[in-house]
Amino acid sequence: MKVRFEFDRICSIKTLVRPLDEQLARTKANREELLLFLKYPQLPLHNNMAEIDIREQVIKRKISMQNRSLGGMQAWDLMLSLASTCRKIKLSFWRYLEDRISLREAIPYLGKIVNSL
């Protein structure tokens, strides 16, 4: 395939600039992972989703000037993670919380929903 050929061609260039040649070698060593999008076209070509996932935590931390305890930090991380997962699977975070607090359990656990996708 043309993309693989171009990848190999570019990564095989010798620039005589040591740091650049080392980076090209590291890139070539990660060829399979970097070209996974060819095998799985549904994979995004960027890591913006990971950055978006942590953005809320960074904003919260800046606003509140850190947490006062380890437990507080863990609670915030849990809530932000649940909210992010609900958003990704198009489930209302508030409905999910209400379902869990009321003990109705009409909504399956997030792990079961995610694994069924």
PDB file of N, CA and C in Angstrom:
ATOM      1  N   MET A   1       0.853  -1.179   0.000  1.00  0.00           N
ATOM      2  CA  MET A   1       0.000   0.000   0.000  1.00  0.00           C
ATOM      3  C   MET A   1       0.896   1.239   0.000  1.00  0.00           C
ATOM      4  N   LYS A   2       0.435   2.271  -0.644  1.00  0.00           N
ATOM      5  CA  LYS A   2       1.239   3.472  -0.829  1.00  0.00           C
ATOM      6  C   LYS A   2       1.614   4.147   0.495  1.00  0.00           C
ATOM      7  N   VAL A   3       0.710   4.154   1.461  1.00  0.00           N
ATOM      8  CA  VAL A   3       0.988   4.802   2.746  1.00  0.00           C
ATOM      9  C   VAL A   3       2.133   4.090   3.452  1.00  0.00           C
ATOM     10  N   ARG A   4       2.113   2.771   3.457  1.00  0.00           N
ATOM     11  CA  ARG A   4       3.191   1.999   4.094  1.00  0.00           C
ATOM     12  C   ARG A   4       4.526   2.248   3.401  1.00  0.00           C
ATOM     13  N   PHE A   5       4.481   2.263   2.081  1.00  0.00           N
ATOM     14  CA  PHE A   5       5.705   2.510   1.308  1.00  0.00           C
ATOM     15  C   PHE A   5       6.277   3.885   1.644  1.00  0.00           C
ATOM     16  N   GLU A   6       5.439   4.907   1.659  1.00  0.00           N
ATOM     17  CA  GLU A   6       5.898   6.265   1.977  1.00  0.00           C
ATOM     18  C   GLU A   6       6.414   6.355   3.406  1.00  0.00           C
ATOM     19  N   PHE A   7       5.730   5.688   4.335  1.00  0.00           N
ATOM     20  CA  PHE A   7       6.182   5.663   5.728  1.00  0.00           C
ATOM     21  C   PHE A   7       7.596   5.094   5.802  1.00  0.00           C
ATOM     22  N   ASP A   8       7.798   3.938   5.173  1.00  0.00           N
ATOM     23  CA  ASP A   8       9.118   3.303   5.196  1.00  0.00           C
ATOM     24  C   ASP A   8      10.170   4.175   4.514  1.00  0.00           C
ATOM     25  N   ARG A   9       9.796   4.795   3.408  1.00  0.00           N
ATOM     26  CA  ARG A   9      10.744   5.641   2.686  1.00  0.00           C
ATOM     27  C   ARG A   9      11.183   6.831   3.539  1.00  0.00           C
ATOM     28  N   ILE A  10      10.211   7.492   4.164  1.00  0.00           N
ATOM     29  CA  ILE A  10      10.521   8.663   4.980  1.00  0.00           C
ATOM     30  C   ILE A  10      11.350   8.275   6.201  1.00  0.00           C
ATOM     31  N   CYS A  11      10.985   7.182   6.838  1.00  0.00           N
ATOM     32  CA  CYS A  11      11.702   6.768   8.056  1.00  0.00           C
ATOM     33  C   CYS A  11      13.096   6.228   7.754  1.00  0.00           C
ATOM     34  N   SER A  12      13.386   5.924   6.505  1.00  0.00           N
ATOM     35  CA  SER A  12      14.702   5.407   6.135  1.00  0.00           C
ATOM     36  C   SER A  12      15.667   6.509   5.709  1.00  0.00           C
ATOM     37  N   ILE A  13      15.203   7.729   5.631  1.00  0.00           N
ATOM     38  CA  ILE A  13      16.063   8.849   5.233  1.00  0.00           C
ATOM     39  C   ILE A  13      17.138   9.062   6.293  1.00  0.00           C
ATOM     40  N   LYS A  14      18.343   9.267   5.857  1.00  0.00           N
ATOM     41  CA  LYS A  14      19.462   9.597   6.754  1.00  0.00           C
ATOM     42  C   LYS A  14      19.761  11.083   6.587  1.00  0.00           C
ATOM     43  N   THR A  15      19.591  11.838   7.664  1.00  0.00           N
ATOM     44  CA  THR A  15      19.736  13.298   7.585  1.00  0.00           C
ATOM     45  C   THR A  15      21.107  13.790   8.023  1.00  0.00           C
ATOM     46  N   LEU A  16      21.875  12.942   8.674  1.00  0.00           N
ATOM     47  CA  LEU A  16      23.170  13.315   9.252  1.00  0.00           C
ATOM     48  C   LEU A  16      23.015  14.264  10.442  1.00  0.00           C
ATOM     49  N   VAL A  17      21.800  14.444  10.897  1.00  0.00           N
ATOM     50  CA  VAL A  17      21.519  15.196  12.121  1.00  0.00           C
ATOM     51  C   VAL A  17      21.094  14.137  13.141  1.00  0.00           C
ATOM     52  N   ARG A  18      21.959  13.876  14.097  1.00  0.00           N
ATOM     53  CA  ARG A  18      21.778  12.735  15.007  1.00  0.00           C
ATOM     54  C   ARG A  18      20.413  12.692  15.701  1.00  0.00           C
ATOM     55  N   PRO A  19      19.956  13.787  16.337  1.00  0.00           N
ATOM     56  CA  PRO A  19      18.645  13.702  17.007  1.00  0.00           C
ATOM     57  C   PRO A  19      17.498  13.395  16.031  1.00  0.00           C
ATOM     58  N   LEU A  20      17.575  13.931  14.838  1.00  0.00           N
ATOM     59  CA  LEU A  20      16.530  13.682  13.839  1.00  0.00           C
ATOM     60  C   LEU A  20      16.579  12.228  13.364  1.00  0.00           C
ATOM     61  N   ASP A  21      17.789  11.716  13.123  1.00  0.00           N
ATOM     62  CA  ASP A  21      17.922  10.314  12.720  1.00  0.00           C
ATOM     63  C   ASP A  21      17.433   9.367  13.814  1.00  0.00           C
ATOM     64  N   GLU A  22      17.706   9.713  15.070  1.00  0.00           N
ATOM     65  CA  GLU A  22      17.228   8.885  16.185  1.00  0.00           C
ATOM     66  C   GLU A  22      15.706   8.902  16.259  1.00  0.00           C
ATOM     67  N   GLN A  23      15.111  10.072  16.032  1.00  0.00           N
ATOM     68  CA  GLN A  23      13.642  10.159  16.054  1.00  0.00           C
ATOM     69  C   GLN A  23      13.040   9.368  14.907  1.00  0.00           C
ATOM     70  N   LEU A  24      13.628   9.443  13.734  1.00  0.00           N
ATOM     71  CA  LEU A  24      13.134   8.657  12.604  1.00  0.00           C
ATOM     72  C   LEU A  24      13.217   7.162  12.904  1.00  0.00           C
ATOM     73  N   ALA A  25      14.291   6.729  13.560  1.00  0.00           N
ATOM     74  CA  ALA A  25      14.437   5.313  13.931  1.00  0.00           C
ATOM     75  C   ALA A  25      13.368   4.903  14.944  1.00  0.00           C
ATOM     76  N   ARG A  26      13.094   5.787  15.927  1.00  0.00           N
ATOM     77  CA  ARG A  26      12.034   5.481  16.917  1.00  0.00           C
ATOM     78  C   ARG A  26      10.668   5.410  16.238  1.00  0.00           C
ATOM     79  N   THR A  27      10.437   6.320  15.309  1.00  0.00           N
ATOM     80  CA  THR A  27       9.165   6.319  14.575  1.00  0.00           C
ATOM     81  C   THR A  27       9.016   5.031  13.780  1.00  0.00           C
ATOM     82  N   LYS A  28      10.089   4.629  13.102  1.00  0.00           N
ATOM     83  CA  LYS A  28      10.046   3.396  12.311  1.00  0.00           C
ATOM     84  C   LYS A  28       9.811   2.183  13.209  1.00  0.00           C
ATOM     85  N   ALA A  29      10.377   2.192  14.413  1.00  0.00           N
ATOM     86  CA  ALA A  29      10.187   1.080  15.347  1.00  0.00           C
ATOM     87  C   ALA A  29       8.729   0.954  15.791  1.00  0.00           C
ATOM     88  N   ASN A  30       7.987   2.053  15.734  1.00  0.00           N
ATOM     89  CA  ASN A  30       6.572   2.052  16.133  1.00  0.00           C
ATOM     90  C   ASN A  30       5.638   1.964  14.928  1.00  0.00           C
ATOM     91  N   ARG A  31       6.153   1.477  13.819  1.00  0.00           N
ATOM     92  CA  ARG A  31       5.414   1.438  12.556  1.00  0.00           C
ATOM     93  C   ARG A  31       4.031   0.794  12.688  1.00  0.00           C
ATOM     94  N   GLU A  32       3.974  -0.373  13.296  1.00  0.00           N
ATOM     95  CA  GLU A  32       2.697  -1.096  13.373  1.00  0.00           C
ATOM     96  C   GLU A  32       1.638  -0.300  14.121  1.00  0.00           C
ATOM     97  N   GLU A  33       2.030   0.284  15.255  1.00  0.00           N
ATOM     98  CA  GLU A  33       1.063   1.068  16.034  1.00  0.00           C
ATOM     99  C   GLU A  33       0.647   2.337  15.297  1.00  0.00           C
ATOM    100  N   LEU A  34       1.612   2.979  14.651  1.00  0.00           N
ATOM    101  CA  LEU A  34       1.319   4.236  13.960  1.00  0.00           C
ATOM    102  C   LEU A  34       0.451   4.038  12.721  1.00  0.00           C
ATOM    103  N   LEU A  35       0.505   2.860  12.137  1.00  0.00           N
ATOM    104  CA  LEU A  35      -0.288   2.592  10.929  1.00  0.00           C
ATOM    105  C   LEU A  35      -1.539   1.753  11.206  1.00  0.00           C
ATOM    106  N   LEU A  36      -1.904   1.628  12.465  1.00  0.00           N
ATOM    107  CA  LEU A  36      -3.113   0.859  12.813  1.00  0.00           C
ATOM    108  C   LEU A  36      -4.370   1.389  12.140  1.00  0.00           C
ATOM    109  N   PHE A  37      -4.391   2.682  11.853  1.00  0.00           N
ATOM    110  CA  PHE A  37      -5.574   3.263  11.225  1.00  0.00           C
ATOM    111  C   PHE A  37      -5.838   2.654   9.852  1.00  0.00           C
ATOM    112  N   LEU A  38      -4.825   2.061   9.216  1.00  0.00           N
ATOM    113  CA  LEU A  38      -5.037   1.398   7.929  1.00  0.00           C
ATOM    114  C   LEU A  38      -5.842   0.113   8.102  1.00  0.00           C
ATOM    115  N   LYS A  39      -5.600  -0.573   9.202  1.00  0.00           N
ATOM    116  CA  LYS A  39      -6.319  -1.814   9.487  1.00  0.00           C
ATOM    117  C   LYS A  39      -7.688  -1.536  10.099  1.00  0.00           C
ATOM    118  N   TYR A  40      -7.751  -0.469  10.921  1.00  0.00           N
ATOM    119  CA  TYR A  40      -8.996  -0.103  11.611  1.00  0.00           C
ATOM    120  C   TYR A  40      -9.347   1.344  11.261  1.00  0.00           C
ATOM    121  N   PRO A  41     -10.055   1.562  10.159  1.00  0.00           N
ATOM    122  CA  PRO A  41     -10.352   2.938   9.713  1.00  0.00           C
ATOM    123  C   PRO A  41     -11.176   3.751  10.713  1.00  0.00           C
ATOM    124  N   GLN A  42     -11.836   3.092  11.667  1.00  0.00           N
ATOM    125  CA  GLN A  42     -12.640   3.824  12.652  1.00  0.00           C
ATOM    126  C   GLN A  42     -11.767   4.526  13.689  1.00  0.00           C
ATOM    127  N   LEU A  43     -10.477   4.173  13.763  1.00  0.00           N
ATOM    128  CA  LEU A  43      -9.585   4.829  14.719  1.00  0.00           C
ATOM    129  C   LEU A  43      -9.344   6.276  14.306  1.00  0.00           C
ATOM    130  N   PRO A  44      -9.356   7.181  15.271  1.00  0.00           N
ATOM    131  CA  PRO A  44      -9.058   8.577  14.934  1.00  0.00           C
ATOM    132  C   PRO A  44      -7.576   8.737  14.603  1.00  0.00           C
ATOM    133  N   LEU A  45      -7.255   9.734  13.806  1.00  0.00           N
ATOM    134  CA  LEU A  45      -5.871   9.984  13.416  1.00  0.00           C
ATOM    135  C   LEU A  45      -5.172  10.944  14.366  1.00  0.00           C
ATOM    136  N   HIS A  46      -5.778  11.207  15.489  1.00  0.00           N
ATOM    137  CA  HIS A  46      -5.231  12.168  16.449  1.00  0.00           C
ATOM    138  C   HIS A  46      -5.464  11.652  17.858  1.00  0.00           C
ATOM    139  N   ASN A  47      -4.888  12.327  18.832  1.00  0.00           N
ATOM    140  CA  ASN A  47      -5.100  11.935  20.230  1.00  0.00           C
ATOM    141  C   ASN A  47      -5.921  12.993  20.959  1.00  0.00           C
ATOM    142  N   ASN A  48      -6.681  13.776  20.214  1.00  0.00           N
ATOM    143  CA  ASN A  48      -7.478  14.837  20.835  1.00  0.00           C
ATOM    144  C   ASN A  48      -8.454  14.301  21.882  1.00  0.00           C
ATOM    145  N   MET A  49      -8.961  13.082  21.685  1.00  0.00           N
ATOM    146  CA  MET A  49      -9.917  12.534  22.650  1.00  0.00           C
ATOM    147  C   MET A  49      -9.269  12.373  24.013  1.00  0.00           C
ATOM    148  N   ALA A  50      -8.020  11.938  24.046  1.00  0.00           N
ATOM    149  CA  ALA A  50      -7.321  11.810  25.323  1.00  0.00           C
ATOM    150  C   ALA A  50      -7.103  13.186  25.952  1.00  0.00           C
ATOM    151  N   GLU A  51      -6.773  14.158  25.134  1.00  0.00           N
ATOM    152  CA  GLU A  51      -6.571  15.510  25.657  1.00  0.00           C
ATOM    153  C   GLU A  51      -7.880  16.110  26.159  1.00  0.00           C
ATOM    154  N   ILE A  52      -8.955  15.855  25.451  1.00  0.00           N
ATOM    155  CA  ILE A  52     -10.266  16.351  25.878  1.00  0.00           C
ATOM    156  C   ILE A  52     -10.656  15.715  27.215  1.00  0.00           C
ATOM    157  N   ASP A  53     -10.339  14.425  27.373  1.00  0.00           N
ATOM    158  CA  ASP A  53     -10.672  13.722  28.617  1.00  0.00           C
ATOM    159  C   ASP A  53     -10.006  14.363  29.834  1.00  0.00           C
ATOM    160  N   ILE A  54      -8.777  14.824  29.687  1.00  0.00           N
ATOM    161  CA  ILE A  54      -8.102  15.402  30.847  1.00  0.00           C
ATOM    162  C   ILE A  54      -8.346  16.894  30.990  1.00  0.00           C
ATOM    163  N   ARG A  55      -8.876  17.533  29.952  1.00  0.00           N
ATOM    164  CA  ARG A  55      -9.087  18.984  30.005  1.00  0.00           C
ATOM    165  C   ARG A  55      -9.995  19.386  31.166  1.00  0.00           C
ATOM    166  N   GLU A  56     -11.079  18.656  31.379  1.00  0.00           N
ATOM    167  CA  GLU A  56     -11.998  18.975  32.475  1.00  0.00           C
ATOM    168  C   GLU A  56     -11.290  18.905  33.823  1.00  0.00           C
ATOM    169  N   GLN A  57     -10.456  17.907  34.002  1.00  0.00           N
ATOM    170  CA  GLN A  57      -9.743  17.774  35.275  1.00  0.00           C
ATOM    171  C   GLN A  57      -8.769  18.921  35.484  1.00  0.00           C
ATOM    172  N   VAL A  58      -8.115  19.349  34.418  1.00  0.00           N
ATOM    173  CA  VAL A  58      -7.165  20.452  34.530  1.00  0.00           C
ATOM    174  C   VAL A  58      -7.900  21.745  34.860  1.00  0.00           C
ATOM    175  N   ILE A  59      -9.018  22.000  34.191  1.00  0.00           N
ATOM    176  CA  ILE A  59      -9.799  23.212  34.458  1.00  0.00           C
ATOM    177  C   ILE A  59     -10.312  23.207  35.889  1.00  0.00           C
ATOM    178  N   LYS A  60     -10.844  22.080  36.349  1.00  0.00           N
ATOM    179  CA  LYS A  60     -11.353  21.972  37.718  1.00  0.00           C
ATOM    180  C   LYS A  60     -10.244  22.235  38.726  1.00  0.00           C
ATOM    181  N   ARG A  61      -9.052  21.658  38.468  1.00  0.00           N
ATOM    182  CA  ARG A  61      -7.926  21.828  39.374  1.00  0.00           C
ATOM    183  C   ARG A  61      -7.501  23.296  39.441  1.00  0.00           C
ATOM    184  N   LYS A  62      -7.501  23.977  38.294  1.00  0.00           N
ATOM    185  CA  LYS A  62      -7.104  25.389  38.281  1.00  0.00           C
ATOM    186  C   LYS A  62      -8.113  26.254  39.033  1.00  0.00           C
ATOM    187  N   ILE A  63      -9.390  25.972  38.861  1.00  0.00           N
ATOM    188  CA  ILE A  63     -10.434  26.769  39.507  1.00  0.00           C
ATOM    189  C   ILE A  63     -10.409  26.578  41.018  1.00  0.00           C
ATOM    190  N   SER A  64     -10.281  25.330  41.463  1.00  0.00           N
ATOM    191  CA  SER A  64     -10.393  25.056  42.898  1.00  0.00           C
ATOM    192  C   SER A  64      -9.053  25.104  43.623  1.00  0.00           C
ATOM    193  N   MET A  65      -7.983  25.363  42.894  1.00  0.00           N
ATOM    194  CA  MET A  65      -6.654  25.415  43.515  1.00  0.00           C
ATOM    195  C   MET A  65      -6.325  24.094  44.217  1.00  0.00           C
ATOM    196  N   GLN A  66      -6.503  23.010  43.524  1.00  0.00           N
ATOM    197  CA  GLN A  66      -6.217  21.659  44.002  1.00  0.00           C
ATOM    198  C   GLN A  66      -7.329  21.166  44.946  1.00  0.00           C
ATOM    199  N   ASN A  67      -7.238  19.915  45.302  1.00  0.00           N
ATOM    200  CA  ASN A  67      -8.167  19.333  46.274  1.00  0.00           C
ATOM    201  C   ASN A  67      -7.542  19.409  47.659  1.00  0.00           C
ATOM    202  N   ARG A  68      -8.372  19.313  48.667  1.00  0.00           N
ATOM    203  CA  ARG A  68      -7.867  19.398  50.040  1.00  0.00           C
ATOM    204  C   ARG A  68      -7.424  18.052  50.580  1.00  0.00           C
ATOM    205  N   SER A  69      -7.808  16.990  49.903  1.00  0.00           N
ATOM    206  CA  SER A  69      -7.420  15.664  50.387  1.00  0.00           C
ATOM    207  C   SER A  69      -7.319  14.693  49.218  1.00  0.00           C
ATOM    208  N   LEU A  70      -6.676  13.578  49.473  1.00  0.00           N
ATOM    209  CA  LEU A  70      -6.576  12.531  48.467  1.00  0.00           C
ATOM    210  C   LEU A  70      -7.970  12.005  48.122  1.00  0.00           C
ATOM    211  N   GLY A  71      -8.809  11.854  49.130  1.00  0.00           N
ATOM    212  CA  GLY A  71     -10.185  11.392  48.897  1.00  0.00           C
ATOM    213  C   GLY A  71     -10.958  12.348  48.006  1.00  0.00           C
ATOM    214  N   GLY A  72     -10.761  13.654  48.232  1.00  0.00           N
ATOM    215  CA  GLY A  72     -11.433  14.646  47.391  1.00  0.00           C
ATOM    216  C   GLY A  72     -10.977  14.556  45.951  1.00  0.00           C
ATOM    217  N   MET A  73      -9.686  14.355  45.749  1.00  0.00           N
ATOM    218  CA  MET A  73      -9.145  14.223  44.401  1.00  0.00           C
ATOM    219  C   MET A  73      -9.706  12.978  43.717  1.00  0.00           C
ATOM    220  N   GLN A  74      -9.758  11.879  44.444  1.00  0.00           N
ATOM    221  CA  GLN A  74     -10.287  10.636  43.879  1.00  0.00           C
ATOM    222  C   GLN A  74     -11.769  10.768  43.533  1.00  0.00           C
ATOM    223  N   ALA A  75     -12.531  11.461  44.387  1.00  0.00           N
ATOM    224  CA  ALA A  75     -13.957  11.658  44.124  1.00  0.00           C
ATOM    225  C   ALA A  75     -14.158  12.488  42.859  1.00  0.00           C
ATOM    226  N   TRP A  76     -13.407  13.573  42.721  1.00  0.00           N
ATOM    227  CA  TRP A  76     -13.515  14.410  41.523  1.00  0.00           C
ATOM    228  C   TRP A  76     -13.120  13.629  40.278  1.00  0.00           C
ATOM    229  N   ASP A  77     -12.034  12.887  40.359  1.00  0.00           N
ATOM    230  CA  ASP A  77     -11.594  12.094  39.215  1.00  0.00           C
ATOM    231  C   ASP A  77     -12.656  11.085  38.804  1.00  0.00           C
ATOM    232  N   LEU A  78     -13.281  10.455  39.784  1.00  0.00           N
ATOM    233  CA  LEU A  78     -14.328   9.483  39.501  1.00  0.00           C
ATOM    234  C   LEU A  78     -15.514  10.150  38.805  1.00  0.00           C
ATOM    235  N   MET A  79     -15.977  11.267  39.350  1.00  0.00           N
ATOM    236  CA  MET A  79     -17.132  11.958  38.755  1.00  0.00           C
ATOM    237  C   MET A  79     -16.829  12.451  37.340  1.00  0.00           C
ATOM    238  N   LEU A  80     -15.652  13.027  37.146  1.00  0.00           N
ATOM    239  CA  LEU A  80     -15.295  13.512  35.817  1.00  0.00           C
ATOM    240  C   LEU A  80     -15.160  12.359  34.828  1.00  0.00           C
ATOM    241  N   SER A  81     -14.634  11.236  35.291  1.00  0.00           N
ATOM    242  CA  SER A  81     -14.504  10.064  34.432  1.00  0.00           C
ATOM    243  C   SER A  81     -15.876   9.503  34.051  1.00  0.00           C
ATOM    244  N   LEU A  82     -16.769   9.422  35.026  1.00  0.00           N
ATOM    245  CA  LEU A  82     -18.130   8.954  34.739  1.00  0.00           C
ATOM    246  C   LEU A  82     -18.839   9.887  33.753  1.00  0.00           C
ATOM    247  N   ALA A  83     -18.708  11.191  33.973  1.00  0.00           N
ATOM    248  CA  ALA A  83     -19.347  12.169  33.085  1.00  0.00           C
ATOM    249  C   ALA A  83     -18.794  12.038  31.668  1.00  0.00           C
ATOM    250  N   SER A  84     -17.491  11.865  31.551  1.00  0.00           N
ATOM    251  CA  SER A  84     -16.865  11.733  30.235  1.00  0.00           C
ATOM    252  C   SER A  84     -17.343  10.462  29.528  1.00  0.00           C
ATOM    253  N   THR A  85     -17.407   9.349  30.257  1.00  0.00           N
ATOM    254  CA  THR A  85     -17.865   8.091  29.670  1.00  0.00           C
ATOM    255  C   THR A  85     -19.317   8.206  29.234  1.00  0.00           C
ATOM    256  N   CYS A  86     -20.160   8.794  30.074  1.00  0.00           N
ATOM    257  CA  CYS A  86     -21.569   8.975  29.716  1.00  0.00           C
ATOM    258  C   CYS A  86     -21.704   9.817  28.453  1.00  0.00           C
ATOM    259  N   ARG A  87     -20.921  10.872  28.361  1.00  0.00           N
ATOM    260  CA  ARG A  87     -20.980  11.743  27.187  1.00  0.00           C
ATOM    261  C   ARG A  87     -20.607  10.965  25.923  1.00  0.00           C
ATOM    262  N   LYS A  88     -19.575  10.133  26.016  1.00  0.00           N
ATOM    263  CA  LYS A  88     -19.115   9.379  24.853  1.00  0.00           C
ATOM    264  C   LYS A  88     -20.140   8.362  24.362  1.00  0.00           C
ATOM    265  N   ILE A  89     -20.905   7.797  25.279  1.00  0.00           N
ATOM    266  CA  ILE A  89     -21.893   6.791  24.872  1.00  0.00           C
ATOM    267  C   ILE A  89     -23.295   7.393  24.767  1.00  0.00           C
ATOM    268  N   LYS A  90     -23.342   8.735  24.814  1.00  0.00           N
ATOM    269  CA  LYS A  90     -24.595   9.484  24.643  1.00  0.00           C
ATOM    270  C   LYS A  90     -25.659   9.089  25.672  1.00  0.00           C
ATOM    271  N   LEU A  91     -25.225   9.022  26.930  1.00  0.00           N
ATOM    272  CA  LEU A  91     -26.107   8.724  28.050  1.00  0.00           C
ATOM    273  C   LEU A  91     -26.073   9.921  28.992  1.00  0.00           C
ATOM    274  N   SER A  92     -27.218  10.351  29.463  1.00  0.00           N
ATOM    275  CA  SER A  92     -27.277  11.485  30.375  1.00  0.00           C
ATOM    276  C   SER A  92     -26.573  11.130  31.687  1.00  0.00           C
ATOM    277  N   PHE A  93     -25.553  11.913  32.011  1.00  0.00           N
ATOM    278  CA  PHE A  93     -24.807  11.699  33.254  1.00  0.00           C
ATOM    279  C   PHE A  93     -25.735  11.836  34.458  1.00  0.00           C
ATOM    280  N   TRP A  94     -26.619  12.836  34.424  1.00  0.00           N
ATOM    281  CA  TRP A  94     -27.525  13.065  35.548  1.00  0.00           C
ATOM    282  C   TRP A  94     -28.523  11.920  35.699  1.00  0.00           C
ATOM    283  N   ARG A  95     -29.014  11.390  34.566  1.00  0.00           N
ATOM    284  CA  ARG A  95     -29.909  10.232  34.632  1.00  0.00           C
ATOM    285  C   ARG A  95     -29.176   9.029  35.217  1.00  0.00           C
ATOM    286  N   TYR A  96     -27.914   8.857  34.817  1.00  0.00           N
ATOM    287  CA  TYR A  96     -27.123   7.748  35.331  1.00  0.00           C
ATOM    288  C   TYR A  96     -26.915   7.889  36.837  1.00  0.00           C
ATOM    289  N   LEU A  97     -26.559   9.092  37.301  1.00  0.00           N
ATOM    290  CA  LEU A  97     -26.374   9.322  38.741  1.00  0.00           C
ATOM    291  C   LEU A  97     -27.673   9.086  39.505  1.00  0.00           C
ATOM    292  N   GLU A  98     -28.760   9.623  38.979  1.00  0.00           N
ATOM    293  CA  GLU A  98     -30.057   9.453  39.631  1.00  0.00           C
ATOM    294  C   GLU A  98     -30.403   7.963  39.740  1.00  0.00           C
ATOM    295  N   ASP A  99     -30.130   7.214  38.675  1.00  0.00           N
ATOM    296  CA  ASP A  99     -30.413   5.788  38.672  1.00  0.00           C
ATOM    297  C   ASP A  99     -29.589   5.064  39.748  1.00  0.00           C
ATOM    298  N   ARG A 100     -28.329   5.437  39.892  1.00  0.00           N
ATOM    299  CA  ARG A 100     -27.478   4.790  40.880  1.00  0.00           C
ATOM    300  C   ARG A 100     -27.855   5.193  42.309  1.00  0.00           C
ATOM    301  N   ILE A 101     -28.117   6.475  42.540  1.00  0.00           N
ATOM    302  CA  ILE A 101     -28.446   6.952  43.886  1.00  0.00           C
ATOM    303  C   ILE A 101     -29.780   6.384  44.359  1.00  0.00           C
ATOM    304  N   SER A 102     -30.751   6.271  43.436  1.00  0.00           N
ATOM    305  CA  SER A 102     -32.076   5.754  43.796  1.00  0.00           C
ATOM    306  C   SER A 102     -32.088   4.234  43.944  1.00  0.00           C
ATOM    307  N   LEU A 103     -30.988   3.590  43.550  1.00  0.00           N
ATOM    308  CA  LEU A 103     -30.853   2.129  43.590  1.00  0.00           C
ATOM    309  C   LEU A 103     -31.819   1.406  42.648  1.00  0.00           C
ATOM    310  N   ARG A 104     -32.370   2.136  41.667  1.00  0.00           N
ATOM    311  CA  ARG A 104     -33.264   1.507  40.690  1.00  0.00           C
ATOM    312  C   ARG A 104     -32.511   0.552  39.768  1.00  0.00           C
ATOM    313  N   GLU A 105     -31.321   0.957  39.389  1.00  0.00           N
ATOM    314  CA  GLU A 105     -30.466   0.192  38.484  1.00  0.00           C
ATOM    315  C   GLU A 105     -31.166  -0.202  37.192  1.00  0.00           C
ATOM    316  N   ALA A 106     -31.963   0.727  36.668  1.00  0.00           N
ATOM    317  CA  ALA A 106     -32.617   0.515  35.378  1.00  0.00           C
ATOM    318  C   ALA A 106     -31.610   0.668  34.243  1.00  0.00           C
ATOM    319  N   ILE A 107     -30.570   1.445  34.476  1.00  0.00           N
ATOM    320  CA  ILE A 107     -29.510   1.639  33.490  1.00  0.00           C
ATOM    321  C   ILE A 107     -28.383   0.668  33.829  1.00  0.00           C
ATOM    322  N   PRO A 108     -27.924  -0.106  32.851  1.00  0.00           N
ATOM    323  CA  PRO A 108     -26.827  -1.047  33.139  1.00  0.00           C
ATOM    324  C   PRO A 108     -25.557  -0.309  33.570  1.00  0.00           C
ATOM    325  N   TYR A 109     -24.678  -1.024  34.218  1.00  0.00           N
ATOM    326  CA  TYR A 109     -23.393  -0.442  34.598  1.00  0.00           C
ATOM    327  C   TYR A 109     -22.648   0.013  33.349  1.00  0.00           C
ATOM    328  N   LEU A 110     -21.893   1.094  33.477  1.00  0.00           N
ATOM    329  CA  LEU A 110     -21.195   1.662  32.317  1.00  0.00           C
ATOM    330  C   LEU A 110     -20.259   0.644  31.670  1.00  0.00           C
ATOM    331  N   GLY A 111     -19.606  -0.175  32.491  1.00  0.00           N
ATOM    332  CA  GLY A 111     -18.706  -1.188  31.938  1.00  0.00           C
ATOM    333  C   GLY A 111     -19.420  -2.131  30.996  1.00  0.00           C
ATOM    334  N   LYS A 112     -20.625  -2.533  31.342  1.00  0.00           N
ATOM    335  CA  LYS A 112     -21.393  -3.438  30.473  1.00  0.00           C
ATOM    336  C   LYS A 112     -21.801  -2.736  29.177  1.00  0.00           C
ATOM    337  N   ILE A 113     -22.178  -1.460  29.309  1.00  0.00           N
ATOM    338  CA  ILE A 113     -22.571  -0.704  28.109  1.00  0.00           C
ATOM    339  C   ILE A 113     -21.370  -0.547  27.189  1.00  0.00           C
ATOM    340  N   VAL A 114     -20.245  -0.133  27.734  1.00  0.00           N
ATOM    341  CA  VAL A 114     -19.038   0.092  26.923  1.00  0.00           C
ATOM    342  C   VAL A 114     -18.574  -1.194  26.269  1.00  0.00           C
ATOM    343  N   ASN A 115     -18.589  -2.301  27.007  1.00  0.00           N
ATOM    344  CA  ASN A 115     -18.130  -3.581  26.452  1.00  0.00           C
ATOM    345  C   ASN A 115     -19.068  -4.110  25.372  1.00  0.00           C
ATOM    346  N   SER A 116     -20.320  -3.667  25.388  1.00  0.00           N
ATOM    347  CA  SER A 116     -21.265  -4.155  24.368  1.00  0.00           C
ATOM    348  C   SER A 116     -21.199  -3.349  23.070  1.00  0.00           C
ATOM    349  N   LEU A 117     -20.447  -2.248  23.080  1.00  0.00           N
ATOM    350  CA  LEU A 117     -20.338  -1.415  21.874  1.00  0.00           C
ATOM    351  C   LEU A 117     -19.402  -2.020  20.861  1.00  0.00           C
TER     352      LEU A 117
END
